[in-house]
Protein backbone atom coordinates (compact mmCIF):
# COMPACT_ATOMS: atom_id res chain seq x y z
CA MET A 1 -17.61 20.86 5.50
CA SER A 2 -21.07 18.91 4.88
CA ASP A 3 -24.02 20.80 5.90
CA HIS A 4 -26.27 18.85 8.79
CA SER A 5 -29.46 20.67 8.78
CA GLY A 6 -31.27 17.74 7.22
CA GLY A 7 -31.81 18.07 3.56
CA ASP A 8 -31.97 14.71 1.92
CA ARG A 9 -30.26 12.93 5.04
CA PRO A 10 -32.06 10.24 6.21
CA GLY A 11 -33.75 10.52 9.54
CA TYR A 12 -32.35 9.05 12.81
CA ILE A 13 -34.97 6.24 12.97
CA ALA A 14 -33.90 5.35 9.22
CA VAL A 15 -30.49 5.14 9.73
CA LEU A 16 -30.96 3.01 13.19
CA LEU A 17 -33.09 0.59 11.32
CA SER A 18 -30.78 0.30 8.53
CA THR A 19 -27.55 -0.41 10.13
CA PHE A 20 -29.17 -2.84 12.66
CA THR A 21 -31.16 -4.98 9.60
CA THR A 22 -27.72 -4.84 7.43
CA VAL A 23 -25.49 -5.74 10.29
CA PHE A 24 -28.06 -8.14 11.78
CA LEU A 25 -28.08 -10.31 8.81
CA ALA A 26 -24.70 -10.02 7.73
CA GLU A 27 -23.85 -11.48 10.86
CA LEU A 28 -26.27 -14.24 10.65
CA GLY A 29 -24.69 -17.63 10.17
CA ASP A 30 -20.80 -16.15 9.47
CA LYS A 31 -17.97 -17.47 11.31
CA THR A 32 -18.26 -15.31 14.06
CA GLN A 33 -21.75 -16.68 15.19
CA LEU A 34 -20.12 -20.30 14.52
CA ALA A 35 -17.52 -19.49 16.80
CA THR A 36 -19.75 -17.43 19.43
CA LEU A 37 -21.93 -21.09 19.53
CA LEU A 38 -19.17 -23.23 19.84
CA LEU A 39 -17.30 -20.91 22.80
CA SER A 40 -20.88 -21.05 24.51
CA ALA A 41 -21.03 -24.93 24.31
CA GLN A 42 -17.52 -25.38 25.45
CA SER A 43 -17.40 -23.01 28.38
CA GLY A 44 -20.39 -23.54 29.96
CA SER A 45 -20.82 -19.79 30.72
CA PRO A 46 -23.20 -18.46 27.80
CA ALA A 47 -23.67 -15.15 29.70
CA LEU A 48 -19.86 -14.44 29.61
CA VAL A 49 -19.62 -15.68 26.31
CA PHE A 50 -22.22 -13.32 25.03
CA PHE A 51 -20.82 -10.01 26.75
CA GLY A 52 -17.41 -10.80 25.46
CA ALA A 53 -19.02 -11.34 21.65
CA ALA A 54 -21.05 -8.10 22.22
CA LEU A 55 -18.16 -6.05 23.13
CA ALA A 56 -15.94 -7.33 20.20
CA LEU A 57 -18.81 -6.46 17.85
CA VAL A 58 -19.34 -3.37 19.28
CA CYS A 59 -15.19 -2.78 19.00
CA SER A 60 -15.19 -3.82 15.35
CA SER A 61 -18.11 -1.61 14.68
CA LEU A 62 -16.31 1.32 16.42
CA VAL A 63 -13.22 0.77 13.98
CA GLY A 64 -15.69 0.65 10.89
CA VAL A 65 -17.71 3.82 11.96
CA LEU A 66 -14.17 5.63 12.63
CA LEU A 67 -12.92 4.61 9.42
CA GLY A 68 -16.04 5.62 7.17
CA GLN A 69 -16.34 8.86 9.16
CA TRP A 70 -12.73 9.92 8.08
CA LEU A 71 -13.17 8.24 4.43
CA ALA A 72 -16.34 10.83 4.34
CA ARG A 73 -14.01 13.92 5.18
CA ILE A 74 -11.77 13.22 2.72
CA LEU A 75 -13.69 11.53 -0.20
CA PRO A 76 -16.75 12.88 -1.95
CA PRO A 77 -19.96 10.25 -1.29
CA GLU A 78 -20.10 9.17 -4.81
CA ARG A 79 -16.32 8.12 -4.93
CA LEU A 80 -16.96 6.62 -1.42
CA GLU A 81 -20.28 4.93 -2.65
CA LEU A 82 -18.39 3.81 -5.94
CA MET A 83 -15.77 2.41 -4.05
CA ALA A 84 -18.03 0.75 -1.53
CA GLY A 85 -20.08 -0.81 -4.73
CA LEU A 86 -16.83 -2.43 -6.29
CA LEU A 87 -15.24 -3.90 -3.00
CA MET A 88 -18.60 -5.74 -2.45
CA ILE A 89 -18.71 -7.08 -5.60
CA SER A 90 -15.03 -8.06 -5.53
CA LEU A 91 -15.90 -9.78 -2.32
CA GLY A 92 -18.51 -11.47 -3.64
CA LEU A 93 -16.88 -12.84 -6.90
CA TRP A 94 -13.91 -13.73 -4.50
CA LEU A 95 -15.89 -15.50 -2.20
CA GLY A 96 -17.92 -17.42 -5.49
CA LEU A 97 -14.45 -18.24 -6.82
CA GLN A 98 -13.44 -19.59 -3.67
CA ALA A 99 -16.84 -21.65 -3.40
CA SER A 100 -16.55 -23.07 -6.91
CA ARG A 101 -13.09 -24.24 -6.53
CA SER A 102 -13.99 -25.92 -3.25
CA LEU A 103 -16.76 -27.72 -5.49
CA LEU A 104 -14.75 -28.55 -8.39
CA PHE A 105 -11.21 -29.64 -5.97
CA ASN A 106 -13.69 -31.05 -2.97
CA PRO A 107 -16.43 -32.92 -4.58
CA VAL A 108 -19.40 -34.08 -1.84
CA SER A 109 -19.78 -37.43 -1.70
């Protein structure tokens, strides 16, 4: 079990601000935000679209938190950081490859 007495763990405010900033910036301009924009425009009920989108983000974040908590119990922190880093690099390379293929095979006129 891990020690929850503090040690080198970041404080409450640092974790909260880091999480908010990371998720907020990651979600800006993504497909989810664009879909929400379109749903709001089409439905004429922006408040309902906001609450539906907020509930969906909370639920998907809950899955991430629970999965992260489970992984933290079975893997050492160093291995978890390495896996997360490799996943981010892999996603970046994959998205870059998709974008370059799109530009090569569908040039903008």
